[in-house]
Amino acid sequence: MNTPTRRPFADLLHAQRVWDTELPAFDPAAAPPAPLPLFHAWFAEAVAAGQPEPHAMALATADSEGLPDVRTLLLHDADERGFHFASHATSAKGHQLAARPHAALGFYWPAQGRQVRVRGSVVRCTPAESHADLHARSTGALAAALTGAQSEVVDSVAALHRAADAAWERAGAEPDTEAPTWTRYVVEPAEVEFFQGDARRRHIRLRYRRTAGGTGGAWTRELLWP
């Protein structure tokens, strides 16, 4: 029986290597009692390791039929309230969050073989916070927020370019202009999982779960099988 010829994509895919670098050790017994300090430490270490765009994260939501949706965007802050990001309330993700205010986040920092996963409810910040969020960023961010209607169909690339050029001009001339639908959101974590990869596949997974009925932000730590 003849063996089917491997497809070029499969050859390319299986030729890729994972973690061709020395990975840091992680002792879960020494982890702090709450996830935020560990996230801050791992983020700083990802930056120091030269990880490109360490603030990029996957945001997963569910649509009106409960089907999953995911996209990549940027983290705007991580504090005692939760993990902050922003988008238009009228976008696909904005409509999904309005109907089902729960989300999951995923960070991947291959420079250190690390992942962080977050699950929790999502709350909208105040209009003042959303305005401040947008205007603390670059002119390009404001221009992007003023360009078209996010997630809606656009007629052509030419139409996109015209709208973007007009938005850049307005953002430069009116740096305090409003983008009324721009909204800052916070994922209030119920679970945060830290994954440290290991070249011998002895991966460490440490999950923090918000303690049911707990006060003062109490967390339970659990070590998971990889």
C-alpha atoms as a PDB file:
ATOM      1  CA  MET A   1       0.000   0.000   0.000  1.00  0.00           C
ATOM      2  CA  ASN A   2       1.416   3.332  -1.059  1.00  0.00           C
ATOM      3  CA  THR A   3       1.963   5.929   1.627  1.00  0.00           C
ATOM      4  CA  PRO A   4       0.259   9.214   0.697  1.00  0.00           C
ATOM      5  CA  THR A   5       2.649  12.027  -0.123  1.00  0.00           C
ATOM      6  CA  ARG A   6       2.862  14.486   2.755  1.00  0.00           C
ATOM      7  CA  ARG A   7       1.452  17.886   2.003  1.00  0.00           C
ATOM      8  CA  PRO A   8       3.961  20.782   1.987  1.00  0.00           C
ATOM      9  CA  PHE A   9       2.055  22.535   4.763  1.00  0.00           C
ATOM     10  CA  ALA A  10       2.220  19.483   7.031  1.00  0.00           C
ATOM     11  CA  ASP A  11       5.966  19.207   6.404  1.00  0.00           C
ATOM     12  CA  LEU A  12       6.435  22.863   7.255  1.00  0.00           C
ATOM     13  CA  LEU A  13       4.208  22.607  10.314  1.00  0.00           C
ATOM     14  CA  HIS A  14       5.930  19.606  11.841  1.00  0.00           C
ATOM     15  CA  ALA A  15       9.389  21.032  11.164  1.00  0.00           C
ATOM     16  CA  GLN A  16       8.756  23.871  13.614  1.00  0.00           C
ATOM     17  CA  ARG A  17      10.425  23.644  16.982  1.00  0.00           C
ATOM     18  CA  VAL A  18       9.173  24.797  20.346  1.00  0.00           C
ATOM     19  CA  TRP A  19      11.172  26.596  23.032  1.00  0.00           C
ATOM     20  CA  ASP A  20      14.644  26.411  21.497  1.00  0.00           C
ATOM     21  CA  THR A  21      15.908  28.414  24.442  1.00  0.00           C
ATOM     22  CA  GLU A  22      16.541  27.893  28.123  1.00  0.00           C
ATOM     23  CA  LEU A  23      13.302  28.336  30.035  1.00  0.00           C
ATOM     24  CA  PRO A  24      13.025  29.823  33.528  1.00  0.00           C
ATOM     25  CA  ALA A  25      12.177  27.682  36.530  1.00  0.00           C
ATOM     26  CA  PHE A  26       8.920  28.213  38.404  1.00  0.00           C
ATOM     27  CA  ASP A  27       8.320  27.039  41.954  1.00  0.00           C
ATOM     28  CA  PRO A  28       4.557  27.217  42.600  1.00  0.00           C
ATOM     29  CA  ALA A  29       5.146  26.804  46.340  1.00  0.00           C
ATOM     30  CA  ALA A  30       6.835  30.219  46.335  1.00  0.00           C
ATOM     31  CA  ALA A  31       4.024  31.932  44.408  1.00  0.00           C
ATOM     32  CA  PRO A  32       2.223  34.822  46.134  1.00  0.00           C
ATOM     33  CA  PRO A  33      -1.235  34.291  47.669  1.00  0.00           C
ATOM     34  CA  ALA A  34      -2.948  36.370  44.954  1.00  0.00           C
ATOM     35  CA  PRO A  35      -2.428  36.295  41.173  1.00  0.00           C
ATOM     36  CA  LEU A  36      -1.864  39.984  40.448  1.00  0.00           C
ATOM     37  CA  PRO A  37       1.699  40.263  41.861  1.00  0.00           C
ATOM     38  CA  LEU A  38       2.711  37.135  39.935  1.00  0.00           C
ATOM     39  CA  PHE A  39       1.202  38.518  36.723  1.00  0.00           C
ATOM     40  CA  HIS A  40       3.083  41.790  37.176  1.00  0.00           C
ATOM     41  CA  ALA A  41       6.328  39.890  37.794  1.00  0.00           C
ATOM     42  CA  TRP A  42       5.887  37.583  34.797  1.00  0.00           C
ATOM     43  CA  PHE A  43       4.994  40.521  32.552  1.00  0.00           C
ATOM     44  CA  ALA A  44       8.136  42.404  33.599  1.00  0.00           C
ATOM     45  CA  GLU A  45      10.216  39.286  32.998  1.00  0.00           C
ATOM     46  CA  ALA A  46       8.670  38.849  29.535  1.00  0.00           C
ATOM     47  CA  VAL A  47       9.640  42.438  28.707  1.00  0.00           C
ATOM     48  CA  ALA A  48      13.182  41.873  30.004  1.00  0.00           C
ATOM     49  CA  ALA A  49      13.434  38.695  27.906  1.00  0.00           C
ATOM     50  CA  GLY A  50      12.648  40.674  24.741  1.00  0.00           C
ATOM     51  CA  GLN A  51       9.197  39.213  24.180  1.00  0.00           C
ATOM     52  CA  PRO A  52       7.577  41.206  21.327  1.00  0.00           C
ATOM     53  CA  GLU A  53       4.265  42.830  22.260  1.00  0.00           C
ATOM     54  CA  PRO A  54       3.883  41.168  25.669  1.00  0.00           C
ATOM     55  CA  HIS A  55       0.724  43.222  26.230  1.00  0.00           C
ATOM     56  CA  ALA A  56      -1.048  41.493  23.327  1.00  0.00           C
ATOM     57  CA  MET A  57      -3.715  39.043  24.461  1.00  0.00           C
ATOM     58  CA  ALA A  58      -6.518  36.920  23.076  1.00  0.00           C
ATOM     59  CA  LEU A  59     -10.018  37.940  24.177  1.00  0.00           C
ATOM     60  CA  ALA A  60     -12.683  35.240  23.951  1.00  0.00           C
ATOM     61  CA  THR A  61     -16.387  36.044  24.159  1.00  0.00           C
ATOM     62  CA  ALA A  62     -19.631  34.280  23.189  1.00  0.00           C
ATOM     63  CA  ASP A  63     -22.164  35.456  20.625  1.00  0.00           C
ATOM     64  CA  SER A  64     -25.962  35.518  20.918  1.00  0.00           C
ATOM     65  CA  GLU A  65     -26.121  31.772  20.207  1.00  0.00           C
ATOM     66  CA  GLY A  66     -23.457  30.959  22.767  1.00  0.00           C
ATOM     67  CA  LEU A  67     -20.831  30.247  20.106  1.00  0.00           C
ATOM     68  CA  PRO A  68     -17.228  31.259  20.927  1.00  0.00           C
ATOM     69  CA  ASP A  69     -15.480  34.184  19.290  1.00  0.00           C
ATOM     70  CA  VAL A  70     -11.878  35.310  19.755  1.00  0.00           C
ATOM     71  CA  ARG A  71      -9.557  38.110  18.667  1.00  0.00           C
ATOM     72  CA  THR A  72      -6.241  39.641  19.692  1.00  0.00           C
ATOM     73  CA  LEU A  73      -6.042  43.079  21.308  1.00  0.00           C
ATOM     74  CA  LEU A  74      -3.933  44.957  23.845  1.00  0.00           C
ATOM     75  CA  LEU A  75      -4.025  44.982  27.623  1.00  0.00           C
ATOM     76  CA  HIS A  76      -4.491  48.515  28.974  1.00  0.00           C
ATOM     77  CA  ASP A  77      -3.902  47.802  32.664  1.00  0.00           C
ATOM     78  CA  ALA A  78      -3.917  45.073  35.298  1.00  0.00           C
ATOM     79  CA  ASP A  79      -4.792  46.184  38.805  1.00  0.00           C
ATOM     80  CA  GLU A  80      -6.884  45.165  41.810  1.00  0.00           C
ATOM     81  CA  ARG A  81     -10.050  45.694  39.763  1.00  0.00           C
ATOM     82  CA  GLY A  82      -8.970  43.296  37.047  1.00  0.00           C
ATOM     83  CA  PHE A  83      -7.610  43.225  33.505  1.00  0.00           C
ATOM     84  CA  HIS A  84      -8.457  46.285  31.402  1.00  0.00           C
ATOM     85  CA  PHE A  85      -9.006  46.601  27.660  1.00  0.00           C
ATOM     86  CA  ALA A  86     -11.036  48.872  25.415  1.00  0.00           C
ATOM     87  CA  SER A  87     -13.111  48.728  22.256  1.00  0.00           C
ATOM     88  CA  HIS A  88     -16.219  50.209  20.689  1.00  0.00           C
ATOM     89  CA  ALA A  89     -19.451  49.266  22.465  1.00  0.00           C
ATOM     90  CA  THR A  90     -20.991  48.981  18.991  1.00  0.00           C
ATOM     91  CA  SER A  91     -18.410  46.439  17.768  1.00  0.00           C
ATOM     92  CA  ALA A  92     -19.074  42.704  17.594  1.00  0.00           C
ATOM     93  CA  LYS A  93     -17.293  42.148  20.898  1.00  0.00           C
ATOM     94  CA  GLY A  94     -19.158  45.094  22.452  1.00  0.00           C
ATOM     95  CA  HIS A  95     -22.543  43.611  21.508  1.00  0.00           C
ATOM     96  CA  GLN A  96     -21.459  40.188  22.746  1.00  0.00           C
ATOM     97  CA  LEU A  97     -20.310  41.555  26.083  1.00  0.00           C
ATOM     98  CA  ALA A  98     -23.521  43.533  26.507  1.00  0.00           C
ATOM     99  CA  ALA A  99     -25.534  40.330  26.116  1.00  0.00           C
ATOM    100  CA  ARG A 100     -23.145  37.963  27.900  1.00  0.00           C
ATOM    101  CA  PRO A 101     -20.782  39.929  30.197  1.00  0.00           C
ATOM    102  CA  HIS A 102     -18.202  37.198  30.646  1.00  0.00           C
ATOM    103  CA  ALA A 103     -14.871  36.663  28.898  1.00  0.00           C
ATOM    104  CA  ALA A 104     -11.596  34.776  28.875  1.00  0.00           C
ATOM    105  CA  LEU A 105      -8.131  36.182  28.202  1.00  0.00           C
ATOM    106  CA  GLY A 106      -5.027  34.403  27.006  1.00  0.00           C
ATOM    107  CA  PHE A 107      -1.436  35.678  27.124  1.00  0.00           C
ATOM    108  CA  TYR A 108       1.400  33.729  25.462  1.00  0.00           C
ATOM    109  CA  TRP A 109       5.032  34.664  26.016  1.00  0.00           C
ATOM    110  CA  PRO A 110       7.064  32.086  24.039  1.00  0.00           C
ATOM    111  CA  ALA A 111      10.356  33.795  24.917  1.00  0.00           C
ATOM    112  CA  GLN A 112       9.917  32.190  28.339  1.00  0.00           C
ATOM    113  CA  GLY A 113       7.500  29.364  27.544  1.00  0.00           C
ATOM    114  CA  ARG A 114       4.775  30.989  29.600  1.00  0.00           C
ATOM    115  CA  GLN A 115       1.024  31.403  29.311  1.00  0.00           C
ATOM    116  CA  VAL A 116      -1.503  33.163  31.523  1.00  0.00           C
ATOM    117  CA  ARG A 117      -5.214  32.428  31.266  1.00  0.00           C
ATOM    118  CA  VAL A 118      -7.937  34.564  32.856  1.00  0.00           C
ATOM    119  CA  ARG A 119     -11.682  33.944  33.172  1.00  0.00           C
ATOM    120  CA  GLY A 120     -14.256  36.219  34.724  1.00  0.00           C
ATOM    121  CA  SER A 121     -17.126  38.641  34.446  1.00  0.00           C
ATOM    122  CA  VAL A 122     -16.789  41.882  32.493  1.00  0.00           C
ATOM    123  CA  VAL A 123     -17.884  45.346  33.585  1.00  0.00           C
ATOM    124  CA  ARG A 124     -17.966  48.605  31.638  1.00  0.00           C
ATOM    125  CA  CYS A 125     -16.034  51.564  32.989  1.00  0.00           C
ATOM    126  CA  THR A 126     -17.538  55.039  33.233  1.00  0.00           C
ATOM    127  CA  PRO A 127     -17.610  57.360  30.197  1.00  0.00           C
ATOM    128  CA  ALA A 128     -14.978  59.522  31.904  1.00  0.00           C
ATOM    129  CA  GLU A 129     -12.648  56.529  32.306  1.00  0.00           C
ATOM    130  CA  SER A 130     -13.243  55.496  28.707  1.00  0.00           C
ATOM    131  CA  HIS A 131     -12.477  59.012  27.468  1.00  0.00           C
ATOM    132  CA  ALA A 132      -9.301  59.143  29.555  1.00  0.00           C
ATOM    133  CA  ASP A 133      -8.271  55.713  28.281  1.00  0.00           C
ATOM    134  CA  LEU A 134      -8.456  56.769  24.659  1.00  0.00           C
ATOM    135  CA  HIS A 135      -6.727  60.106  25.118  1.00  0.00           C
ATOM    136  CA  ALA A 136      -3.873  58.619  27.113  1.00  0.00           C
ATOM    137  CA  ARG A 137      -2.869  56.743  23.972  1.00  0.00           C
ATOM    138  CA  SER A 138      -1.338  57.813  20.662  1.00  0.00           C
ATOM    139  CA  THR A 139      -2.773  59.945  17.865  1.00  0.00           C
ATOM    140  CA  GLY A 140      -2.946  56.744  15.839  1.00  0.00           C
ATOM    141  CA  ALA A 141      -5.124  55.093  18.475  1.00  0.00           C
ATOM    142  CA  LEU A 142      -7.520  58.044  18.397  1.00  0.00           C
ATOM    143  CA  ALA A 143      -7.557  57.992  14.592  1.00  0.00           C
ATOM    144  CA  ALA A 144      -8.336  54.284  14.606  1.00  0.00           C
ATOM    145  CA  ALA A 145     -11.197  54.865  17.044  1.00  0.00           C
ATOM    146  CA  LEU A 146     -12.615  57.548  14.720  1.00  0.00           C
ATOM    147  CA  THR A 147     -12.344  55.426  11.562  1.00  0.00           C
ATOM    148  CA  GLY A 148     -15.635  53.937  10.381  1.00  0.00           C
ATOM    149  CA  ALA A 149     -17.859  51.603  12.376  1.00  0.00           C
ATOM    150  CA  GLN A 150     -15.860  48.704  13.779  1.00  0.00           C
ATOM    151  CA  SER A 151     -17.021  45.235  12.642  1.00  0.00           C
ATOM    152  CA  GLU A 152     -19.372  46.680  10.007  1.00  0.00           C
ATOM    153  CA  VAL A 153     -18.965  45.874   6.308  1.00  0.00           C
ATOM    154  CA  VAL A 154     -16.847  48.354   4.324  1.00  0.00           C
ATOM    155  CA  ASP A 155     -17.317  48.773   0.579  1.00  0.00           C
ATOM    156  CA  SER A 156     -13.669  48.727  -0.455  1.00  0.00           C
ATOM    157  CA  VAL A 157     -10.083  49.246   0.622  1.00  0.00           C
ATOM    158  CA  ALA A 158     -10.250  52.667  -1.032  1.00  0.00           C
ATOM    159  CA  ALA A 159     -13.191  53.610   1.211  1.00  0.00           C
ATOM    160  CA  LEU A 160     -11.228  52.407   4.242  1.00  0.00           C
ATOM    161  CA  HIS A 161      -8.235  54.533   3.246  1.00  0.00           C
ATOM    162  CA  ARG A 162     -10.386  57.641   2.732  1.00  0.00           C
ATOM    163  CA  ALA A 163     -12.009  57.245   6.135  1.00  0.00           C
ATOM    164  CA  ALA A 164      -8.665  56.556   7.816  1.00  0.00           C
ATOM    165  CA  ASP A 165      -7.043  59.620   6.229  1.00  0.00           C
ATOM    166  CA  ALA A 166      -9.937  61.803   7.382  1.00  0.00           C
ATOM    167  CA  ALA A 167      -9.727  60.312  10.894  1.00  0.00           C
ATOM    168  CA  TRP A 168      -5.971  60.953  11.117  1.00  0.00           C
ATOM    169  CA  GLU A 169      -6.509  64.561  10.050  1.00  0.00           C
ATOM    170  CA  ARG A 170      -9.238  65.052  12.642  1.00  0.00           C
ATOM    171  CA  ALA A 171      -7.231  63.338  15.404  1.00  0.00           C
ATOM    172  CA  GLY A 172      -4.293  65.651  14.714  1.00  0.00           C
ATOM    173  CA  ALA A 173      -6.421  68.795  14.616  1.00  0.00           C
ATOM    174  CA  GLU A 174      -8.751  67.879  17.507  1.00  0.00           C
ATOM    175  CA  PRO A 175      -6.763  65.712  19.951  1.00  0.00           C
ATOM    176  CA  ASP A 176      -9.487  65.990  22.612  1.00  0.00           C
ATOM    177  CA  THR A 177     -12.325  64.984  20.309  1.00  0.00           C
ATOM    178  CA  GLU A 178     -14.788  62.384  21.560  1.00  0.00           C
ATOM    179  CA  ALA A 179     -15.269  58.863  20.226  1.00  0.00           C
ATOM    180  CA  PRO A 180     -18.665  58.287  21.864  1.00  0.00           C
ATOM    181  CA  THR A 181     -18.763  54.502  21.533  1.00  0.00           C
ATOM    182  CA  TRP A 182     -15.205  53.937  22.791  1.00  0.00           C
ATOM    183  CA  THR A 183     -15.516  51.943  26.004  1.00  0.00           C
ATOM    184  CA  ARG A 184     -13.057  50.673  28.575  1.00  0.00           C
ATOM    185  CA  TYR A 185     -13.855  47.257  30.032  1.00  0.00           C
ATOM    186  CA  VAL A 186     -12.506  45.328  33.005  1.00  0.00           C
ATOM    187  CA  VAL A 187     -12.394  41.547  33.283  1.00  0.00           C
ATOM    188  CA  GLU A 188     -12.918  40.807  36.978  1.00  0.00           C
ATOM    189  CA  PRO A 189     -11.054  37.517  37.351  1.00  0.00           C
ATOM    190  CA  ALA A 190     -12.663  34.481  38.939  1.00  0.00           C
ATOM    191  CA  GLU A 191      -9.788  32.256  37.768  1.00  0.00           C
ATOM    192  CA  VAL A 192      -6.203  33.011  36.732  1.00  0.00           C
ATOM    193  CA  GLU A 193      -3.912  30.206  35.574  1.00  0.00           C
ATOM    194  CA  PHE A 194      -0.134  30.445  35.158  1.00  0.00           C
ATOM    195  CA  PHE A 195       1.567  27.945  32.842  1.00  0.00           C
ATOM    196  CA  GLN A 196       5.327  27.456  32.807  1.00  0.00           C
ATOM    197  CA  GLY A 197       6.546  25.295  29.949  1.00  0.00           C
ATOM    198  CA  ASP A 198       9.292  22.727  30.332  1.00  0.00           C
ATOM    199  CA  ALA A 199      11.413  21.251  27.536  1.00  0.00           C
ATOM    200  CA  ARG A 200      10.807  17.739  28.960  1.00  0.00           C
ATOM    201  CA  ARG A 201       7.050  18.438  29.063  1.00  0.00           C
ATOM    202  CA  ARG A 202       6.956  18.641  32.859  1.00  0.00           C
ATOM    203  CA  HIS A 203       4.885  21.783  32.569  1.00  0.00           C
ATOM    204  CA  ILE A 204       3.799  23.591  35.719  1.00  0.00           C
ATOM    205  CA  ARG A 205       0.213  24.831  35.875  1.00  0.00           C
ATOM    206  CA  LEU A 206      -0.837  26.906  38.869  1.00  0.00           C
ATOM    207  CA  ARG A 207      -4.459  28.021  39.047  1.00  0.00           C
ATOM    208  CA  TYR A 208      -5.842  30.700  41.330  1.00  0.00           C
ATOM    209  CA  ARG A 209      -9.592  30.504  42.021  1.00  0.00           C
ATOM    210  CA  ARG A 210     -11.553  33.212  43.770  1.00  0.00           C
ATOM    211  CA  THR A 211     -12.755  31.735  47.056  1.00  0.00           C
ATOM    212  CA  ALA A 212     -16.536  31.332  47.125  1.00  0.00           C
ATOM    213  CA  GLY A 213     -17.947  33.740  49.637  1.00  0.00           C
ATOM    214  CA  GLY A 214     -14.474  34.952  50.445  1.00  0.00           C
ATOM    215  CA  THR A 215     -13.763  38.506  51.507  1.00  0.00           C
ATOM    216  CA  GLY A 216     -10.861  40.758  50.825  1.00  0.00           C
ATOM    217  CA  GLY A 217     -10.037  39.127  47.515  1.00  0.00           C
ATOM    218  CA  ALA A 218      -9.250  35.676  48.952  1.00  0.00           C
ATOM    219  CA  TRP A 219      -7.873  33.079  46.523  1.00  0.00           C
ATOM    220  CA  THR A 220      -7.373  29.318  46.483  1.00  0.00           C
ATOM    221  CA  ARG A 221      -4.250  27.988  44.730  1.00  0.00           C
ATOM    222  CA  GLU A 222      -4.309  24.646  42.904  1.00  0.00           C
ATOM    223  CA  LEU A 223      -1.585  22.761  41.037  1.00  0.00           C
ATOM    224  CA  LEU A 224      -2.930  21.122  37.863  1.00  0.00           C
ATOM    225  CA  TRP A 225      -1.737  18.196  35.791  1.00  0.00           C
ATOM    226  CA  PRO A 226      -0.315  19.480  32.484  1.00  0.00           C
END
